[in-house]
Amino acid sequence: MVVDVVTTYLPTYVPATPDMGVVPLNPLDLVTEVQKLQDSIVADVCGRCDLDGIEIRQRLIRGRAAESLIEAAEDADMLVVGSRGRGGFRGLLLGSVSHQIAHHAMCPVVIVRAVLDDD
């Protein structure tokens, strides 16, 4: 089994996890900063899992999140995306990227909500 970890970015938007808040960014080397973020998250998740028989491939795509992920998943068996959420009532709503992916991807889609401690 192969798992492709795809992170999209634009010069005006840097992906982050909900618990990270502001991501330190060196504007002169955006790709390196985004790669560091992806590497850190992948290492953390892979450290918690049994990856026997699973190949992890990482890549960065410069482009708008929904369109880039839909295109990257054209031949995929499944597209799994995270949802940052907003908490409270707004947190119950699907974000625009998740909404677009759910409606336009050519494969099954799983949207994973982050569970954050309020402490």
N, C-alpha and C. Protein backbone atom coordinates (compact mmCIF):
# COMPACT_ATOMS: atom_id res chain seq x y z
N MET A 1 0.84 -1.17 0.00
CA MET A 1 0.00 0.00 0.00
C MET A 1 0.89 1.23 0.00
N VAL A 2 0.44 2.25 -0.74
CA VAL A 2 1.16 3.52 -0.81
C VAL A 2 0.26 4.62 -0.28
N VAL A 3 0.81 5.45 0.57
CA VAL A 3 0.11 6.63 1.07
C VAL A 3 0.87 7.85 0.58
N ASP A 4 0.20 8.67 -0.21
CA ASP A 4 0.79 9.92 -0.68
C ASP A 4 0.36 11.03 0.26
N VAL A 5 1.32 11.68 0.89
CA VAL A 5 1.03 12.83 1.74
C VAL A 5 1.28 14.07 0.89
N VAL A 6 0.21 14.79 0.62
CA VAL A 6 0.29 15.96 -0.26
C VAL A 6 -0.05 17.20 0.55
N THR A 7 0.84 18.18 0.49
CA THR A 7 0.60 19.46 1.14
C THR A 7 0.58 20.52 0.06
N THR A 8 -0.48 21.32 0.04
CA THR A 8 -0.55 22.41 -0.92
C THR A 8 -0.21 23.72 -0.22
N TYR A 9 0.27 24.66 -1.00
CA TYR A 9 0.61 25.97 -0.43
C TYR A 9 0.53 27.02 -1.52
N LEU A 10 0.36 28.22 -1.10
CA LEU A 10 0.45 29.41 -1.95
C LEU A 10 1.31 30.42 -1.21
N PRO A 11 1.95 31.32 -1.92
CA PRO A 11 2.77 32.33 -1.23
C PRO A 11 1.96 33.16 -0.23
N THR A 12 0.65 33.23 -0.41
CA THR A 12 -0.18 34.02 0.50
C THR A 12 -0.82 33.18 1.59
N TYR A 13 -0.58 31.86 1.56
CA TYR A 13 -1.20 30.97 2.55
C TYR A 13 -0.24 29.84 2.86
N VAL A 14 0.03 29.63 4.13
CA VAL A 14 0.88 28.53 4.56
C VAL A 14 0.05 27.59 5.40
N PRO A 15 0.03 26.28 5.07
CA PRO A 15 -0.78 25.34 5.85
C PRO A 15 -0.28 25.24 7.28
N ALA A 16 -1.20 24.98 8.18
CA ALA A 16 -0.85 24.81 9.59
C ALA A 16 -1.83 23.83 10.21
N THR A 17 -1.45 23.28 11.32
CA THR A 17 -2.38 22.44 12.06
C THR A 17 -3.10 23.32 13.05
N PRO A 18 -4.30 22.93 13.46
CA PRO A 18 -5.09 23.79 14.34
C PRO A 18 -4.39 24.13 15.65
N ASP A 19 -3.57 23.23 16.14
CA ASP A 19 -2.94 23.47 17.43
C ASP A 19 -1.65 24.28 17.33
N MET A 20 -1.19 24.56 16.12
CA MET A 20 0.07 25.28 15.96
C MET A 20 -0.10 26.79 15.94
N GLY A 21 -1.29 27.27 15.63
CA GLY A 21 -1.47 28.71 15.56
C GLY A 21 -0.66 29.30 14.42
N VAL A 22 0.16 30.27 14.71
CA VAL A 22 0.97 30.93 13.69
C VAL A 22 2.19 30.06 13.38
N VAL A 23 2.46 29.88 12.11
CA VAL A 23 3.63 29.11 11.68
C VAL A 23 4.75 30.08 11.36
N PRO A 24 5.90 29.93 12.04
CA PRO A 24 7.03 30.81 11.72
C PRO A 24 7.39 30.63 10.25
N LEU A 25 7.57 31.70 9.54
CA LEU A 25 7.79 31.62 8.11
C LEU A 25 8.93 32.52 7.69
N ASN A 26 9.87 31.94 7.00
CA ASN A 26 10.93 32.70 6.37
C ASN A 26 10.44 32.98 4.95
N PRO A 27 10.03 34.21 4.63
CA PRO A 27 9.43 34.48 3.33
C PRO A 27 10.38 34.26 2.17
N LEU A 28 11.67 34.20 2.43
CA LEU A 28 12.63 33.98 1.36
C LEU A 28 12.72 32.52 0.97
N ASP A 29 12.24 31.62 1.81
CA ASP A 29 12.35 30.20 1.51
C ASP A 29 11.07 29.47 1.91
N LEU A 30 9.97 29.84 1.31
CA LEU A 30 8.66 29.29 1.63
C LEU A 30 8.62 27.77 1.47
N VAL A 31 9.15 27.25 0.39
CA VAL A 31 9.08 25.81 0.13
C VAL A 31 9.78 25.03 1.24
N THR A 32 10.93 25.51 1.68
CA THR A 32 11.65 24.83 2.76
C THR A 32 10.83 24.83 4.04
N GLU A 33 10.17 25.96 4.36
CA GLU A 33 9.36 26.04 5.56
C GLU A 33 8.16 25.10 5.50
N VAL A 34 7.50 25.04 4.35
CA VAL A 34 6.35 24.15 4.19
C VAL A 34 6.82 22.69 4.27
N GLN A 35 7.98 22.38 3.68
CA GLN A 35 8.52 21.03 3.75
C GLN A 35 8.84 20.64 5.19
N LYS A 36 9.40 21.56 5.96
CA LYS A 36 9.69 21.29 7.37
C LYS A 36 8.40 20.98 8.14
N LEU A 37 7.36 21.75 7.88
CA LEU A 37 6.07 21.52 8.53
C LEU A 37 5.53 20.14 8.18
N GLN A 38 5.55 19.80 6.90
CA GLN A 38 5.06 18.49 6.47
C GLN A 38 5.91 17.37 7.08
N ASP A 39 7.23 17.51 7.02
CA ASP A 39 8.12 16.49 7.59
C ASP A 39 7.82 16.25 9.07
N SER A 40 7.63 17.32 9.80
CA SER A 40 7.36 17.21 11.24
C SER A 40 6.06 16.47 11.51
N ILE A 41 5.01 16.81 10.79
CA ILE A 41 3.72 16.16 10.99
C ILE A 41 3.77 14.69 10.58
N VAL A 42 4.40 14.40 9.44
CA VAL A 42 4.51 13.01 8.97
C VAL A 42 5.32 12.18 9.97
N ALA A 43 6.43 12.73 10.45
CA ALA A 43 7.26 12.00 11.43
C ALA A 43 6.48 11.71 12.70
N ASP A 44 5.70 12.68 13.17
CA ASP A 44 4.90 12.50 14.38
C ASP A 44 3.86 11.40 14.19
N VAL A 45 3.13 11.45 13.10
CA VAL A 45 2.08 10.45 12.85
C VAL A 45 2.69 9.07 12.61
N CYS A 46 3.74 9.01 11.81
CA CYS A 46 4.37 7.71 11.51
C CYS A 46 4.99 7.08 12.75
N GLY A 47 5.41 7.92 13.69
CA GLY A 47 5.97 7.41 14.93
C GLY A 47 4.94 6.72 15.82
N ARG A 48 3.67 6.94 15.54
CA ARG A 48 2.59 6.35 16.33
C ARG A 48 1.95 5.14 15.66
N CYS A 49 2.40 4.80 14.46
CA CYS A 49 1.71 3.77 13.67
C CYS A 49 2.63 2.62 13.30
N ASP A 50 2.02 1.48 13.03
CA ASP A 50 2.74 0.34 12.47
C ASP A 50 2.67 0.49 10.96
N LEU A 51 3.80 0.75 10.33
CA LEU A 51 3.83 1.01 8.89
C LEU A 51 4.33 -0.18 8.09
N ASP A 52 4.26 -1.35 8.66
CA ASP A 52 4.70 -2.54 7.96
C ASP A 52 3.90 -2.70 6.66
N GLY A 53 4.60 -2.73 5.53
CA GLY A 53 3.95 -2.89 4.24
C GLY A 53 3.36 -1.62 3.66
N ILE A 54 3.63 -0.47 4.29
CA ILE A 54 3.09 0.80 3.81
C ILE A 54 4.24 1.71 3.40
N GLU A 55 4.17 2.19 2.18
CA GLU A 55 5.15 3.16 1.69
C GLU A 55 4.55 4.56 1.81
N ILE A 56 5.29 5.45 2.45
CA ILE A 56 4.85 6.84 2.60
C ILE A 56 5.63 7.69 1.59
N ARG A 57 4.89 8.40 0.75
CA ARG A 57 5.51 9.33 -0.20
C ARG A 57 5.01 10.72 0.11
N GLN A 58 5.92 11.67 0.13
CA GLN A 58 5.56 13.05 0.43
C GLN A 58 5.79 13.93 -0.78
N ARG A 59 4.88 14.90 -0.97
CA ARG A 59 5.12 15.90 -2.01
C ARG A 59 4.39 17.19 -1.68
N LEU A 60 4.94 18.26 -2.21
CA LEU A 60 4.36 19.58 -2.06
C LEU A 60 3.83 20.02 -3.41
N ILE A 61 2.68 20.68 -3.38
CA ILE A 61 2.10 21.21 -4.61
C ILE A 61 1.80 22.69 -4.39
N ARG A 62 2.34 23.50 -5.26
CA ARG A 62 2.03 24.92 -5.20
C ARG A 62 0.70 25.12 -5.94
N GLY A 63 -0.29 25.56 -5.20
CA GLY A 63 -1.60 25.77 -5.82
C GLY A 63 -2.68 25.86 -4.77
N ARG A 64 -3.88 26.16 -5.22
CA ARG A 64 -5.02 26.26 -4.32
C ARG A 64 -5.36 24.87 -3.80
N ALA A 65 -5.69 24.79 -2.52
CA ALA A 65 -5.83 23.49 -1.85
C ALA A 65 -6.85 22.58 -2.51
N ALA A 66 -8.09 23.02 -2.67
CA ALA A 66 -9.13 22.13 -3.18
C ALA A 66 -8.80 21.61 -4.58
N GLU A 67 -8.49 22.52 -5.48
CA GLU A 67 -8.21 22.11 -6.85
C GLU A 67 -6.99 21.20 -6.94
N SER A 68 -5.94 21.54 -6.20
CA SER A 68 -4.71 20.74 -6.24
C SER A 68 -4.91 19.36 -5.67
N LEU A 69 -5.65 19.25 -4.56
CA LEU A 69 -5.88 17.94 -3.95
C LEU A 69 -6.80 17.07 -4.79
N ILE A 70 -7.82 17.68 -5.39
CA ILE A 70 -8.71 16.93 -6.27
C ILE A 70 -7.92 16.37 -7.45
N GLU A 71 -7.07 17.18 -8.03
CA GLU A 71 -6.24 16.73 -9.16
C GLU A 71 -5.25 15.65 -8.72
N ALA A 72 -4.63 15.83 -7.57
CA ALA A 72 -3.65 14.86 -7.08
C ALA A 72 -4.30 13.51 -6.79
N ALA A 73 -5.60 13.51 -6.50
CA ALA A 73 -6.31 12.28 -6.14
C ALA A 73 -7.05 11.64 -7.31
N GLU A 74 -6.80 12.09 -8.52
CA GLU A 74 -7.54 11.56 -9.67
C GLU A 74 -7.47 10.05 -9.79
N ASP A 75 -6.33 9.46 -9.51
CA ASP A 75 -6.17 8.01 -9.61
C ASP A 75 -6.12 7.32 -8.25
N ALA A 76 -6.49 8.05 -7.20
CA ALA A 76 -6.40 7.51 -5.84
C ALA A 76 -7.59 6.61 -5.53
N ASP A 77 -7.39 5.72 -4.56
CA ASP A 77 -8.48 4.89 -4.06
C ASP A 77 -9.31 5.66 -3.04
N MET A 78 -8.68 6.64 -2.39
CA MET A 78 -9.37 7.43 -1.36
C MET A 78 -8.59 8.72 -1.14
N LEU A 79 -9.31 9.79 -0.81
CA LEU A 79 -8.70 11.06 -0.46
C LEU A 79 -9.06 11.37 0.99
N VAL A 80 -8.06 11.51 1.82
CA VAL A 80 -8.27 11.82 3.24
C VAL A 80 -7.71 13.21 3.48
N VAL A 81 -8.56 14.09 4.01
CA VAL A 81 -8.13 15.45 4.30
C VAL A 81 -8.48 15.81 5.73
N GLY A 82 -7.75 16.75 6.27
CA GLY A 82 -8.05 17.25 7.60
C GLY A 82 -8.97 18.45 7.50
N SER A 83 -9.63 18.75 8.60
CA SER A 83 -10.48 19.92 8.68
C SER A 83 -10.05 20.70 9.90
N ARG A 84 -9.67 21.93 9.70
CA ARG A 84 -9.18 22.73 10.81
C ARG A 84 -10.28 23.04 11.81
N GLY A 85 -11.49 23.25 11.34
CA GLY A 85 -12.59 23.55 12.26
C GLY A 85 -12.42 24.90 12.91
N ARG A 86 -13.48 25.41 13.46
CA ARG A 86 -13.44 26.74 14.07
C ARG A 86 -13.97 26.74 15.49
N GLY A 87 -14.45 25.60 15.98
CA GLY A 87 -15.00 25.55 17.33
C GLY A 87 -16.41 26.11 17.37
N GLY A 88 -17.13 25.78 18.41
CA GLY A 88 -18.50 26.27 18.57
C GLY A 88 -19.38 25.88 17.40
N PHE A 89 -20.38 26.70 17.12
CA PHE A 89 -21.32 26.41 16.03
C PHE A 89 -20.60 26.37 14.69
N ARG A 90 -19.69 27.31 14.46
CA ARG A 90 -18.97 27.34 13.18
C ARG A 90 -18.16 26.08 12.98
N GLY A 91 -17.72 25.45 14.08
CA GLY A 91 -16.96 24.22 13.98
C GLY A 91 -17.77 23.06 13.46
N LEU A 92 -19.08 23.18 13.51
CA LEU A 92 -19.95 22.12 12.98
C LEU A 92 -20.07 22.19 11.47
N LEU A 93 -19.70 23.32 10.89
CA LEU A 93 -19.81 23.52 9.46
C LEU A 93 -18.58 23.01 8.74
N LEU A 94 -18.76 22.60 7.50
CA LEU A 94 -17.66 22.15 6.67
C LEU A 94 -16.99 23.37 6.06
N GLY A 95 -15.67 23.39 6.05
CA GLY A 95 -14.96 24.49 5.43
C GLY A 95 -15.08 24.45 3.91
N SER A 96 -14.70 25.52 3.26
CA SER A 96 -14.86 25.61 1.81
C SER A 96 -14.01 24.58 1.06
N VAL A 97 -12.79 24.32 1.54
CA VAL A 97 -11.95 23.32 0.88
C VAL A 97 -12.55 21.93 1.04
N SER A 98 -12.94 21.57 2.24
CA SER A 98 -13.56 20.25 2.47
C SER A 98 -14.84 20.11 1.65
N HIS A 99 -15.62 21.16 1.58
CA HIS A 99 -16.86 21.14 0.82
C HIS A 99 -16.59 20.89 -0.67
N GLN A 100 -15.64 21.61 -1.23
CA GLN A 100 -15.30 21.43 -2.65
C GLN A 100 -14.79 20.02 -2.91
N ILE A 101 -13.92 19.53 -2.04
CA ILE A 101 -13.36 18.19 -2.23
C ILE A 101 -14.45 17.14 -2.14
N ALA A 102 -15.32 17.26 -1.17
CA ALA A 102 -16.40 16.28 -0.99
C ALA A 102 -17.30 16.23 -2.22
N HIS A 103 -17.49 17.35 -2.88
CA HIS A 103 -18.40 17.39 -4.03
C HIS A 103 -17.74 17.09 -5.37
N HIS A 104 -16.43 17.26 -5.47
CA HIS A 104 -15.80 17.17 -6.79
C HIS A 104 -14.73 16.09 -6.95
N ALA A 105 -14.28 15.47 -5.88
CA ALA A 105 -13.26 14.43 -6.01
C ALA A 105 -13.85 13.22 -6.72
N MET A 106 -13.01 12.53 -7.47
CA MET A 106 -13.45 11.37 -8.25
C MET A 106 -13.32 10.06 -7.46
N CYS A 107 -12.94 10.15 -6.21
CA CYS A 107 -12.79 8.96 -5.37
C CYS A 107 -13.50 9.23 -4.04
N PRO A 108 -13.66 8.19 -3.22
CA PRO A 108 -14.25 8.43 -1.89
C PRO A 108 -13.40 9.42 -1.10
N VAL A 109 -14.07 10.23 -0.27
CA VAL A 109 -13.40 11.26 0.52
C VAL A 109 -13.69 11.03 2.00
N VAL A 110 -12.65 11.14 2.83
CA VAL A 110 -12.79 11.10 4.28
C VAL A 110 -12.28 12.43 4.82
N ILE A 111 -13.11 13.11 5.61
CA ILE A 111 -12.71 14.38 6.21
C ILE A 111 -12.53 14.15 7.70
N VAL A 112 -11.32 14.34 8.18
CA VAL A 112 -10.98 14.06 9.58
C VAL A 112 -10.94 15.37 10.35
N ARG A 113 -11.73 15.42 11.39
CA ARG A 113 -11.75 16.60 12.26
C ARG A 113 -10.69 16.46 13.34
N ALA A 114 -9.96 17.52 13.60
CA ALA A 114 -8.96 17.51 14.66
C ALA A 114 -9.68 17.57 16.00
N VAL A 115 -9.14 16.88 16.98
CA VAL A 115 -9.66 16.95 18.33
C VAL A 115 -8.61 17.69 19.16
N LEU A 116 -8.99 18.87 19.63
CA LEU A 116 -8.05 19.69 20.38
C LEU A 116 -8.52 19.83 21.81
N ASP A 117 -7.57 19.86 22.71
CA ASP A 117 -7.88 20.12 24.12
C ASP A 117 -8.09 21.63 24.27
N ASP A 118 -9.08 22.01 25.04
CA ASP A 118 -9.32 23.43 25.28
C ASP A 118 -8.49 23.97 26.42
N ASP A 119 -7.69 23.12 27.05
CA ASP A 119 -6.89 23.54 28.20
C ASP A 119 -5.74 24.42 27.77
